[in-house]
Protein backbone atom coordinates (compact mmCIF):
# COMPACT_ATOMS: atom_id res chain seq x y z
CA MET A 1 38.53 33.31 -16.08
CA ASN A 2 35.26 32.32 -17.64
CA ILE A 3 32.46 30.52 -15.80
CA SER A 4 33.23 27.22 -17.54
CA GLN A 5 36.86 27.34 -16.36
CA PHE A 6 35.74 28.28 -12.83
CA LEU A 7 33.27 25.39 -12.62
CA GLU A 8 35.91 23.00 -13.97
CA LEU A 9 38.39 24.24 -11.35
CA LEU A 10 35.83 23.63 -8.61
CA GLN A 11 35.14 20.16 -10.03
CA GLN A 12 38.87 19.34 -9.76
CA HIS A 13 39.09 20.43 -6.11
CA LYS A 14 35.85 19.15 -4.54
CA SER A 15 37.55 18.07 -1.33
CA LYS A 16 38.86 21.56 -0.51
CA SER A 17 37.46 24.63 1.21
CA LEU A 18 36.73 27.66 -0.99
CA LEU A 19 38.30 30.94 0.08
CA PHE A 20 38.32 34.35 -1.61
CA GLN A 21 41.11 36.90 -1.22
CA TYR A 22 39.66 40.30 -2.22
CA ALA A 23 42.78 42.37 -1.45
CA PRO A 24 46.34 41.43 -0.43
CA GLN A 25 46.15 39.42 2.79
CA GLN A 26 42.38 40.11 3.09
CA LEU A 27 40.01 37.15 2.94
CA VAL A 28 36.24 37.17 2.65
CA GLY A 29 35.07 35.92 6.05
CA ALA A 30 34.31 32.25 6.63
CA ASN A 31 30.73 33.37 7.27
CA TYR A 32 30.18 34.13 3.57
CA HIS A 33 27.23 32.91 1.55
CA ILE A 34 26.63 32.87 -2.21
CA THR A 35 23.52 35.04 -2.26
CA GLU A 36 22.97 35.69 -5.94
CA VAL A 37 24.23 34.66 -9.37
CA LYS A 38 23.63 37.23 -12.09
CA HIS A 39 23.68 36.45 -15.80
CA VAL A 40 24.50 39.88 -17.20
CA GLN A 41 24.43 40.96 -20.82
CA ILE A 42 26.46 44.10 -21.52
CA ASP A 43 25.66 46.19 -24.60
CA SER A 44 27.92 49.24 -24.68
CA VAL A 45 29.01 52.27 -26.64
CA ASP A 46 32.41 53.74 -25.76
CA CYS A 47 33.59 57.35 -25.95
CA GLY A 48 34.81 56.78 -29.51
CA ALA A 49 31.29 55.73 -30.60
CA GLN A 50 32.32 52.08 -30.96
CA THR A 51 29.82 49.43 -29.90
CA ASP A 52 30.58 46.21 -28.07
CA SER A 53 28.68 43.47 -26.27
CA TRP A 54 29.55 40.57 -23.99
CA ASN A 55 28.16 38.47 -21.17
CA GLU A 56 29.32 38.22 -17.57
CA THR A 57 28.42 35.91 -14.70
CA ILE A 58 28.50 37.77 -11.40
CA ILE A 59 28.49 35.75 -8.19
CA GLN A 60 27.57 37.77 -5.11
CA LEU A 61 29.31 36.97 -1.82
CA TRP A 62 27.79 38.17 1.45
CA GLU A 63 29.06 37.81 5.01
CA SER A 64 26.28 36.83 7.40
CA PRO A 65 26.29 39.01 10.54
CA SER A 66 24.76 36.14 12.52
CA GLU A 67 27.79 33.94 11.75
CA ILE A 68 30.63 36.32 12.67
CA GLY A 69 33.45 34.31 14.17
CA LYS A 70 32.77 31.26 12.02
CA THR A 71 36.08 29.59 11.13
CA GLU A 72 35.07 26.83 8.72
CA TYR A 73 34.86 28.02 5.12
CA MET A 74 32.32 26.82 2.57
CA SER A 75 33.38 23.61 0.88
CA VAL A 76 34.01 23.58 -2.84
CA THR A 77 31.41 20.81 -3.04
CA LYS A 78 28.73 23.05 -1.50
CA ALA A 79 29.62 25.99 -3.78
CA LEU A 80 29.58 23.71 -6.81
CA GLY A 81 26.17 22.39 -5.76
CA ILE A 82 24.78 25.93 -5.55
CA LEU A 83 26.26 26.96 -8.89
CA ASN A 84 25.13 23.78 -10.65
CA LYS A 85 21.58 24.30 -9.35
CA VAL A 86 21.63 27.86 -10.69
CA GLY A 87 22.91 26.58 -14.05
CA LYS A 88 19.96 24.19 -14.29
CA MET A 89 17.50 27.01 -13.57
CA LYS A 90 19.16 29.60 -15.83
CA SER A 91 21.79 28.37 -18.27
CA TYR A 92 25.25 29.88 -18.13
CA ASP A 93 26.94 31.41 -21.14
CA THR A 94 29.96 29.17 -20.62
CA SER A 95 32.32 31.74 -22.18
CA SER A 96 31.13 34.59 -19.93
CA GLU A 97 33.72 36.10 -17.61
CA VAL A 98 33.08 35.25 -13.97
CA LYS A 99 33.22 38.11 -11.48
CA PHE A 100 32.53 38.27 -7.78
CA GLU A 101 30.53 41.07 -6.20
CA TYR A 102 31.57 41.73 -2.61
CA SER A 103 31.82 44.34 0.11
CA ASN A 104 32.25 44.57 3.86
CA ALA A 105 32.50 47.38 6.41
CA LEU A 106 36.06 48.17 5.31
CA PHE A 107 35.81 47.46 1.58
CA HIS A 108 33.48 49.21 -0.88
CA THR A 109 31.12 47.18 -3.03
CA ALA A 110 33.00 46.06 -6.11
CA GLN A 111 32.86 43.54 -8.90
CA LEU A 112 36.15 41.69 -8.76
CA PHE A 113 37.63 39.48 -11.44
CA VAL A 114 39.67 36.33 -10.84
CA ASN A 115 43.33 37.28 -11.03
CA ASP A 116 44.53 33.74 -10.30
CA TYR A 117 44.11 30.98 -7.74
CA GLU A 118 46.30 29.05 -5.34
CA ILE A 119 46.11 25.82 -3.41
CA TYR A 120 47.14 26.11 0.25
CA GLY A 121 46.82 22.76 1.98
CA ASN A 122 43.11 21.92 1.94
CA ASN A 123 42.10 25.36 0.62
CA LEU A 124 41.36 26.58 -2.88
CA VAL A 125 42.03 30.33 -2.67
CA MET A 126 40.60 32.50 -5.43
CA ASN A 127 42.69 35.65 -5.71
CA LEU A 128 40.39 38.45 -6.79
CA ALA A 129 41.36 41.89 -8.07
CA ILE A 130 39.75 45.11 -9.13
CA GLN A 131 39.74 46.05 -12.77
CA LYS A 132 40.51 49.70 -13.29
CA THR A 133 38.42 51.71 -15.69
CA ASP A 134 40.04 52.46 -19.02
CA CYS A 135 39.36 54.29 -22.26
CA LYS A 136 38.69 51.65 -24.92
CA ALA A 137 39.01 54.18 -27.74
CA LYS A 138 42.52 55.49 -26.95
CA GLU A 139 43.82 55.15 -30.47
CA LEU A 140 40.70 56.61 -32.06
CA CYS A 141 40.64 59.53 -29.62
CA GLY A 142 44.38 60.18 -29.62
CA VAL A 143 44.76 59.39 -25.92
CA PRO A 144 48.46 58.97 -25.18
CA GLU A 145 49.84 55.90 -23.45
CA PRO A 146 50.00 56.05 -19.62
CA ALA A 147 53.67 57.13 -19.58
CA ALA A 148 52.83 60.22 -21.65
CA ALA A 149 49.65 60.86 -19.65
CA SER A 150 51.58 60.84 -16.38
CA ALA A 151 53.86 63.54 -17.77
CA GLY A 152 51.13 66.08 -17.08
CA ASN A 153 48.84 65.70 -20.10
CA SER A 154 45.55 65.73 -18.20
CA ASN A 155 43.46 67.21 -21.05
CA SER A 156 43.78 64.30 -23.48
CA CYS A 157 40.04 63.72 -23.37
CA ALA A 158 39.01 67.39 -23.27
CA PRO A 159 35.84 68.72 -24.90
CA GLY A 160 36.34 69.13 -28.63
CA SER A 161 39.09 66.51 -28.79
CA GLY A 162 36.74 64.03 -30.46
CA CYS A 163 36.73 61.82 -27.38
CA CYS A 164 34.67 61.53 -24.17
C-alpha cells in the first residue's frame, strides 16, 4: 500500500479507531503514539550488481509506558491530522510504500508493510506483516527457486558462483 492509498483509506474511515495488528492476534497497544514519520530514499545495488531506487514512508509507532492499560485507541481523525501536518512540513512521495516501524518487549524492532486491512465494528484494523529478505538477482545468479533450494542446495550463492 502506498502512502496515498493509506491516507485515502483513513479519509474514508474518519469516525473509526485505528488499530494495528503486527502479528496474528497481536495488536499494538492502545497506548501507542505516532512518534516519527520518515521519508526514506533507497538507492541500492543487489548481489547481481543491478541498481535500483525507490522511496518509502515509514511511520513509527511507540507504546507509551506511562499509558499502559489504556483501552481507547487513537482515532483515525487524530492519526490523519498528524500525518497531514507532516505532509505540509515535508511533502510525501505519494507513490512511496508505507511501512510501520514497531517493537515492544516481546517483538523485535521491525519495519512492517501493510498486508491488508479490515473493518471490525468501529475499528479500522491495519494488518501488518514482515517482509522476508530475498535475492533480487536470482535469475542472474542462477539461484534456484525455493522448492529446489529446500532440497538441500544451500550453496547456491557460494563464493565464485557470480552471486553474493
